[in-house]
C-alpha atoms as a PDB file:
ATOM      1  CA  MET A   1      81.737  38.624  69.304  1.00  0.00           C
ATOM      2  CA  THR A   2      83.267  36.610  66.482  1.00  0.00           C
ATOM      3  CA  ASP A   3      85.989  37.922  64.191  1.00  0.00           C
ATOM      4  CA  GLU A   4      83.439  38.138  61.375  1.00  0.00           C
ATOM      5  CA  GLU A   5      81.065  40.216  63.543  1.00  0.00           C
ATOM      6  CA  LYS A   6      83.951  42.502  64.524  1.00  0.00           C
ATOM      7  CA  LEU A   7      84.862  42.961  60.871  1.00  0.00           C
ATOM      8  CA  ASP A   8      81.231  43.730  59.973  1.00  0.00           C
ATOM      9  CA  GLU A   9      81.141  46.382  62.711  1.00  0.00           C
ATOM     10  CA  VAL A  10      84.354  48.009  61.453  1.00  0.00           C
ATOM     11  CA  VAL A  11      82.976  48.021  57.889  1.00  0.00           C
ATOM     12  CA  LYS A  12      79.797  49.751  59.132  1.00  0.00           C
ATOM     13  CA  GLU A  13      81.827  52.309  61.084  1.00  0.00           C
ATOM     14  CA  LEU A  14      84.132  53.094  58.180  1.00  0.00           C
ATOM     15  CA  THR A  15      81.219  53.291  55.741  1.00  0.00           C
ATOM     16  CA  LEU A  16      79.442  55.794  57.991  1.00  0.00           C
ATOM     17  CA  LEU A  17      82.663  57.771  58.339  1.00  0.00           C
ATOM     18  CA  LEU A  18      83.210  57.834  54.562  1.00  0.00           C
ATOM     19  CA  LEU A  19      79.598  58.868  53.983  1.00  0.00           C
ATOM     20  CA  TYR A  20      80.100  61.750  56.405  1.00  0.00           C
ATOM     21  CA  LEU A  21      83.471  62.803  54.975  1.00  0.00           C
ATOM     22  CA  THR A  22      82.113  62.843  51.410  1.00  0.00           C
ATOM     23  CA  SER A  23      78.770  64.418  52.289  1.00  0.00           C
ATOM     24  CA  TRP A  24      77.570  67.874  51.443  1.00  0.00           C
ATOM     25  CA  GLU A  25      75.201  70.034  53.426  1.00  0.00           C
ATOM     26  CA  GLU A  26      71.833  70.859  51.896  1.00  0.00           C
ATOM     27  CA  GLY A  27      69.572  73.578  53.153  1.00  0.00           C
ATOM     28  CA  GLY A  28      66.553  72.404  55.071  1.00  0.00           C
ATOM     29  CA  MET A  29      63.031  72.897  53.832  1.00  0.00           C
ATOM     30  CA  ALA A  30      60.637  75.104  55.850  1.00  0.00           C
ATOM     31  CA  GLU A  31      61.408  74.403  59.526  1.00  0.00           C
ATOM     32  CA  MET A  32      63.954  71.663  58.797  1.00  0.00           C
ATOM     33  CA  ALA A  33      67.607  72.249  59.579  1.00  0.00           C
ATOM     34  CA  PRO A  34      70.243  71.598  56.905  1.00  0.00           C
ATOM     35  CA  VAL A  35      71.115  67.930  56.343  1.00  0.00           C
ATOM     36  CA  HIS A  36      74.249  66.024  55.332  1.00  0.00           C
ATOM     37  CA  ARG A  37      73.615  64.128  52.100  1.00  0.00           C
ATOM     38  CA  ALA A  38      75.949  61.599  50.433  1.00  0.00           C
ATOM     39  CA  TRP A  39      75.905  59.306  47.415  1.00  0.00           C
ATOM     40  CA  LYS A  40      74.916  55.646  47.882  1.00  0.00           C
ATOM     41  CA  GLY A  41      78.179  54.228  46.553  1.00  0.00           C
ATOM     42  CA  TYR A  42      78.510  51.532  49.200  1.00  0.00           C
ATOM     43  CA  ARG A  43      77.257  47.985  49.806  1.00  0.00           C
ATOM     44  CA  PHE A  44      73.485  48.020  50.176  1.00  0.00           C
ATOM     45  CA  GLU A  45      73.657  45.566  53.084  1.00  0.00           C
ATOM     46  CA  VAL A  46      75.790  48.033  55.027  1.00  0.00           C
ATOM     47  CA  LEU A  47      73.609  51.019  54.090  1.00  0.00           C
ATOM     48  CA  ASN A  48      70.515  49.085  55.163  1.00  0.00           C
ATOM     49  CA  ALA A  49      72.129  48.174  58.495  1.00  0.00           C
ATOM     50  CA  LEU A  50      73.046  51.817  59.136  1.00  0.00           C
ATOM     51  CA  ALA A  51      69.492  52.873  58.250  1.00  0.00           C
ATOM     52  CA  ASP A  52      68.079  50.196  60.593  1.00  0.00           C
ATOM     53  CA  GLU A  53      70.218  51.703  63.375  1.00  0.00           C
ATOM     54  CA  GLY A  54      68.729  55.148  62.672  1.00  0.00           C
ATOM     55  CA  LEU A  55      71.992  56.627  61.382  1.00  0.00           C
ATOM     56  CA  LEU A  56      70.883  57.115  57.761  1.00  0.00           C
ATOM     57  CA  SER A  57      67.672  57.842  55.975  1.00  0.00           C
ATOM     58  CA  SER A  58      67.060  56.881  52.396  1.00  0.00           C
ATOM     59  CA  SER A  59      64.318  56.475  49.872  1.00  0.00           C
ATOM     60  CA  ARG A  60      64.568  53.498  47.540  1.00  0.00           C
ATOM     61  CA  GLY A  61      64.589  55.484  44.309  1.00  0.00           C
ATOM     62  CA  ALA A  62      67.086  58.121  45.443  1.00  0.00           C
ATOM     63  CA  GLU A  63      70.748  57.894  44.535  1.00  0.00           C
ATOM     64  CA  SER A  64      71.748  59.493  47.814  1.00  0.00           C
ATOM     65  CA  VAL A  65      71.138  59.099  51.544  1.00  0.00           C
ATOM     66  CA  TYR A  66      71.137  61.612  54.319  1.00  0.00           C
ATOM     67  CA  LEU A  67      72.737  61.237  57.689  1.00  0.00           C
ATOM     68  CA  THR A  68      70.418  61.679  60.642  1.00  0.00           C
ATOM     69  CA  ASP A  69      71.492  63.889  63.540  1.00  0.00           C
ATOM     70  CA  GLU A  70      72.497  60.711  65.377  1.00  0.00           C
ATOM     71  CA  GLY A  71      74.436  59.580  62.305  1.00  0.00           C
ATOM     72  CA  VAL A  72      76.361  62.864  62.116  1.00  0.00           C
ATOM     73  CA  THR A  73      77.170  62.688  65.830  1.00  0.00           C
ATOM     74  CA  LYS A  74      78.423  59.103  65.549  1.00  0.00           C
ATOM     75  CA  ALA A  75      80.384  59.895  62.377  1.00  0.00           C
ATOM     76  CA  ARG A  76      82.151  62.766  64.125  1.00  0.00           C
ATOM     77  CA  ALA A  77      83.074  60.408  66.993  1.00  0.00           C
ATOM     78  CA  LEU A  78      84.372  57.893  64.443  1.00  0.00           C
ATOM     79  CA  GLN A  79      86.398  60.650  62.802  1.00  0.00           C
ATOM     80  CA  ARG A  80      88.125  61.260  66.131  1.00  0.00           C
ATOM     81  CA  LYS A  81      88.567  57.496  66.672  1.00  0.00           C
ATOM     82  CA  TYR A  82      90.095  56.699  63.287  1.00  0.00           C
ATOM     83  CA  LEU A  83      91.658  59.971  62.160  1.00  0.00           C
ATOM     84  CA  SER A  84      92.896  61.787  65.262  1.00  0.00           C
ATOM     85  CA  ARG A  85      96.650  62.209  65.512  1.00  0.00           C
ATOM     86  CA  GLU A  86      97.205  61.695  69.190  1.00  0.00           C
END
């Protein structure tokens, strides 16, 4: 992996972590469980890459995204990786 690819991966990880940390929980509709929603204030290339990996879901016209269950799980792991005080 090149240095540029490593940097791109760190940017994706930190973007997902920031999305999670700034998200709010919305009640689910009907049978749906509550979801974590966050504003799309990040580079679209990164948001698209996270969506392609199944970590985010977004509609083009919306100003926010929601984290999938997999996205929340990964974000929590990233929170431990980057923010734990061990």
